[in-house]
Amino acid sequence: MGGEEGPWRYTGHLAGFVILYDRDREGVYESVGHIWTAEAWQRRGIARRLLAEARSRFPIKEIEQPYTADGAAFVEACAQDLS
């Protein structure tokens, strides 16, 4: 909505996001804390692509629990090596 250097504004629709953590504070993101996809955009591969992009940039070692039922199904289908 705004910033230190003056007003700015963005509008749009959020389809999904991933939040990564550096839990051991070594300067490298290695843990997925959250993956979320808007309900209207689910089942289109957005979460899978977000995870793939995160893994291409960082040495992701885990997806943190607890999982929702949908999250557990996602991990089972797309990231068994991270569970």
C-alpha atoms as a PDB file:
ATOM      1  CA  MET A   1       0.000   0.000   0.000  1.00  0.00           C
ATOM      2  CA  GLY A   2       2.764   2.476   0.750  1.00  0.00           C
ATOM      3  CA  GLY A   3       6.402   2.868   1.576  1.00  0.00           C
ATOM      4  CA  GLU A   4       9.041   5.130   3.037  1.00  0.00           C
ATOM      5  CA  GLU A   5       9.716   6.910  -0.249  1.00  0.00           C
ATOM      6  CA  GLY A   6       6.146   7.906  -0.948  1.00  0.00           C
ATOM      7  CA  PRO A   7       2.827   6.387  -1.806  1.00  0.00           C
ATOM      8  CA  TRP A   8       2.652   3.324  -4.015  1.00  0.00           C
ATOM      9  CA  ARG A   9      -0.135   0.902  -4.669  1.00  0.00           C
ATOM     10  CA  TYR A  10      -0.496  -2.496  -6.308  1.00  0.00           C
ATOM     11  CA  THR A  11      -3.676  -4.276  -7.205  1.00  0.00           C
ATOM     12  CA  GLY A  12      -4.234  -7.767  -8.469  1.00  0.00           C
ATOM     13  CA  HIS A  13      -5.102 -11.265  -7.411  1.00  0.00           C
ATOM     14  CA  LEU A  14      -2.961 -13.583  -5.342  1.00  0.00           C
ATOM     15  CA  ALA A  15      -3.010 -17.083  -6.813  1.00  0.00           C
ATOM     16  CA  GLY A  16      -0.520 -18.671  -4.423  1.00  0.00           C
ATOM     17  CA  PHE A  17       2.617 -18.263  -2.365  1.00  0.00           C
ATOM     18  CA  VAL A  18       5.350 -20.218  -0.617  1.00  0.00           C
ATOM     19  CA  ILE A  19       7.160 -19.107   2.554  1.00  0.00           C
ATOM     20  CA  LEU A  20      10.667 -20.429   3.176  1.00  0.00           C
ATOM     21  CA  TYR A  21      12.614 -20.381   6.429  1.00  0.00           C
ATOM     22  CA  ASP A  22      16.259 -20.470   7.451  1.00  0.00           C
ATOM     23  CA  ARG A  23      15.594 -22.268  10.726  1.00  0.00           C
ATOM     24  CA  ASP A  24      19.260 -22.924  11.550  1.00  0.00           C
ATOM     25  CA  ARG A  25      20.223 -19.308  10.737  1.00  0.00           C
ATOM     26  CA  GLU A  26      23.075 -20.290   8.443  1.00  0.00           C
ATOM     27  CA  GLY A  27      21.960 -17.899   5.713  1.00  0.00           C
ATOM     28  CA  VAL A  28      20.293 -20.499   3.480  1.00  0.00           C
ATOM     29  CA  TYR A  29      16.574 -21.231   3.191  1.00  0.00           C
ATOM     30  CA  GLU A  30      16.086 -24.960   3.714  1.00  0.00           C
ATOM     31  CA  SER A  31      12.575 -25.336   5.080  1.00  0.00           C
ATOM     32  CA  VAL A  32       9.123 -24.748   3.582  1.00  0.00           C
ATOM     33  CA  GLY A  33       6.870 -23.268   6.246  1.00  0.00           C
ATOM     34  CA  HIS A  34       3.780 -22.644   4.131  1.00  0.00           C
ATOM     35  CA  ILE A  35       2.467 -23.280   0.642  1.00  0.00           C
ATOM     36  CA  TRP A  36      -0.892 -21.813  -0.169  1.00  0.00           C
ATOM     37  CA  THR A  37      -3.025 -21.642  -3.311  1.00  0.00           C
ATOM     38  CA  ALA A  38      -6.232 -19.646  -3.628  1.00  0.00           C
ATOM     39  CA  GLU A  39      -9.240 -21.936  -3.806  1.00  0.00           C
ATOM     40  CA  ALA A  40     -10.195 -20.718  -7.290  1.00  0.00           C
ATOM     41  CA  TRP A  41      -6.680 -21.603  -8.529  1.00  0.00           C
ATOM     42  CA  GLN A  42      -6.246 -25.015  -6.954  1.00  0.00           C
ATOM     43  CA  ARG A  43      -5.623 -28.145  -9.030  1.00  0.00           C
ATOM     44  CA  ARG A  44      -3.693 -26.172 -11.676  1.00  0.00           C
ATOM     45  CA  GLY A  45      -0.166 -27.048 -10.576  1.00  0.00           C
ATOM     46  CA  ILE A  46       0.585 -23.715  -8.890  1.00  0.00           C
ATOM     47  CA  ALA A  47       1.803 -25.179  -5.591  1.00  0.00           C
ATOM     48  CA  ARG A  48       3.873 -27.766  -7.466  1.00  0.00           C
ATOM     49  CA  ARG A  49       5.525 -25.026  -9.547  1.00  0.00           C
ATOM     50  CA  LEU A  50       6.134 -22.857  -6.480  1.00  0.00           C
ATOM     51  CA  LEU A  51       7.846 -25.760  -4.734  1.00  0.00           C
ATOM     52  CA  ALA A  52       9.862 -26.613  -7.855  1.00  0.00           C
ATOM     53  CA  GLU A  53      11.053 -23.010  -8.137  1.00  0.00           C
ATOM     54  CA  ALA A  54      11.990 -22.890  -4.442  1.00  0.00           C
ATOM     55  CA  ARG A  55      13.922 -26.149  -4.822  1.00  0.00           C
ATOM     56  CA  SER A  56      15.735 -24.815  -7.894  1.00  0.00           C
ATOM     57  CA  ARG A  57      16.992 -21.833  -5.886  1.00  0.00           C
ATOM     58  CA  PHE A  58      17.531 -23.250  -2.390  1.00  0.00           C
ATOM     59  CA  PRO A  59      18.515 -26.596  -0.818  1.00  0.00           C
ATOM     60  CA  ILE A  60      15.049 -27.354   0.553  1.00  0.00           C
ATOM     61  CA  LYS A  61      15.218 -30.259   3.015  1.00  0.00           C
ATOM     62  CA  GLU A  62      11.739 -30.347   4.541  1.00  0.00           C
ATOM     63  CA  ILE A  63       8.154 -29.190   4.439  1.00  0.00           C
ATOM     64  CA  GLU A  64       7.205 -28.363   7.997  1.00  0.00           C
ATOM     65  CA  GLN A  65       4.205 -29.972   9.681  1.00  0.00           C
ATOM     66  CA  PRO A  66       1.390 -29.920  10.626  1.00  0.00           C
ATOM     67  CA  TYR A  67      -0.260 -30.468   7.253  1.00  0.00           C
ATOM     68  CA  THR A  68      -3.888 -29.949   6.352  1.00  0.00           C
ATOM     69  CA  ALA A  69      -5.543 -32.916   4.644  1.00  0.00           C
ATOM     70  CA  ASP A  70      -4.935 -31.247   1.282  1.00  0.00           C
ATOM     71  CA  GLY A  71      -1.358 -30.466   2.334  1.00  0.00           C
ATOM     72  CA  ALA A  72      -0.699 -34.086   3.229  1.00  0.00           C
ATOM     73  CA  ALA A  73      -2.035 -35.167  -0.178  1.00  0.00           C
ATOM     74  CA  PHE A  74       0.216 -32.574  -1.854  1.00  0.00           C
ATOM     75  CA  VAL A  75       3.304 -33.812   0.001  1.00  0.00           C
ATOM     76  CA  GLU A  76       2.424 -37.411  -0.853  1.00  0.00           C
ATOM     77  CA  ALA A  77       2.018 -36.561  -4.545  1.00  0.00           C
ATOM     78  CA  CYS A  78       4.788 -33.997  -5.044  1.00  0.00           C
ATOM     79  CA  ALA A  79       7.360 -34.093  -2.281  1.00  0.00           C
ATOM     80  CA  GLN A  80       7.638 -37.481  -0.587  1.00  0.00           C
ATOM     81  CA  ASP A  81      11.375 -36.914  -0.164  1.00  0.00           C
ATOM     82  CA  LEU A  82      10.671 -33.820   1.968  1.00  0.00           C
ATOM     83  CA  SER A  83       8.167 -35.282   4.439  1.00  0.00           C
END
